[in-house]
Amino acid sequence: MAPASEEDGMNALGRGPRRLIAAALGALVIPTAIALAVLWPGEGAVEPPAESVPGRTVPAEVVAVRATPCQMPGQGGCRVAKARLLEGGDAGRLAQFSADSVGANELVSVGDSVRLTPSTVPTGADPALIQPYAFSGFERRAPLLWLVIAFVAVVAVFGRWRGLRSLVGLAVSLLVIAKFVVPAILDGRQPVAVAVTGAMAVMLTTIVLAHGVSAKSVAAVLGTTLSLGLTVFLATVFTALTELSGMASDQSVLLVVGQDHVSLRGLVLAGMVIGALGVLDDVTVSQASAVMALRRANPALGVRGLYDGAVAIGRDHVAATVNTLVLAYVGAALPTVLLFSVARTSFAAVVNNEAIAQEVVATLVGSIGLIAAVPVTTALAALLASRLPAAAGIGVPGHVHAH
């Protein structure tokens, strides 16, 4: 006899528990929908300042690289490259541009696919001293596309139907960020409110798409919401206490040129909220899955037994995930950390730097929210699972993501 699905278990519940679950989802879905409508950006396009808009680029293939005398005294490693333009009115012609190396790192070599930006000659400058094209970057879109295809294939093969639904959820997440979060912040909406609303929309959509409307998904949704609320509170408090301004990067400085209505501190908080969501989703769904698996294996277990068994799994999960979270932030900030190391800066001074302090706050508040998600979600899932009739089944074996 095939195991019942989680939806079958939901249908076997009494009217009271089903109404409770529907009310819990409605209490989150309705306010999120209202917040989306209120915060939705206007139709007006945001006009960025001219100095922050990147120029048009054209694809080219490098055909020659040679050393050249440097213009600045004491400078070394100066090189000039020639590339064949592949598009536009100059397609097929050769363009010359500076391809200076940085130390032992030769940035451009023969055969590379690059993108070049037509140079503009400043007023009063000698055109003969300025290369007609400037190096903009390497052409990366083809390998990135192949990587995306490989990712989709692996998820589809391993996750099957549930994996495909999770990919749809991922697409929805990116759509919410691209069409709501980013435009709303640029339109002057409060960044934290926008980030929380976007995070709730993403979380509700992705969890329900991947796992359906079930006791497991409801527990995961509620656990994520409560833990995300704690994360937002801690991030707000400690961003203020540590006086994070949001001006730690050049990109932030460029963003506010002509965009005085954008709150950089709010952007810092918004980034912490969105960054924490993905880890919280993983933990809450895993804990709810663990509870349902325990209930399926031993229907005699009560709330306490289910809670104790799943929390033991959760402790292992948290230990590994916190380490992953910290290493991810350290990896992202590694060039900055190396720069401080070369300058022989003390550890206390490094941590006090805003670029590092911002990552420390994000890591620690995210980790606290992550840890809180385990007992909260486990308790909610245990309460729901204990009310599922054993004869109806708890669902097909879900993924119990423990480390």
Foldseek 3Di string as FASTA:
>chain_A
DDFFALVLLLVPFDPVVNVVLVVLVCVLVVVLVVLLVVLFFDPDDDDADPVLDDADKFKWFWADKDADDDPDPPDDQKMKTWTATCDDPRHRDIFIETQGADVPRRPDDGGFIFIWGQDDDDPPDDVVVHGRIYTDGGDDPVVVVVVVVVVLVVQCVVVPPLSVLLVVLVVVLVCCCVRGLVNSLLSLHQNLSSLLSSLSVSLVRNLCSNRNSGLLSSLLSVLLNVLLVQLLVLLVVVCVVLVQQLPQDPVSVSVCPVRVSRRSSSVLSSVLSNVLSVLSSVLLSLLLLQLQVVCLVPVVDALVRSLVRSVVQSVQALVVVLVVLLVVLCVVCVVVVVVCVVVVHDPVVSCSRSVNVSSVSSSVSSSVSNNSSNNSSSSSSRVSSNSRDNVSGNRDNDDNDGD
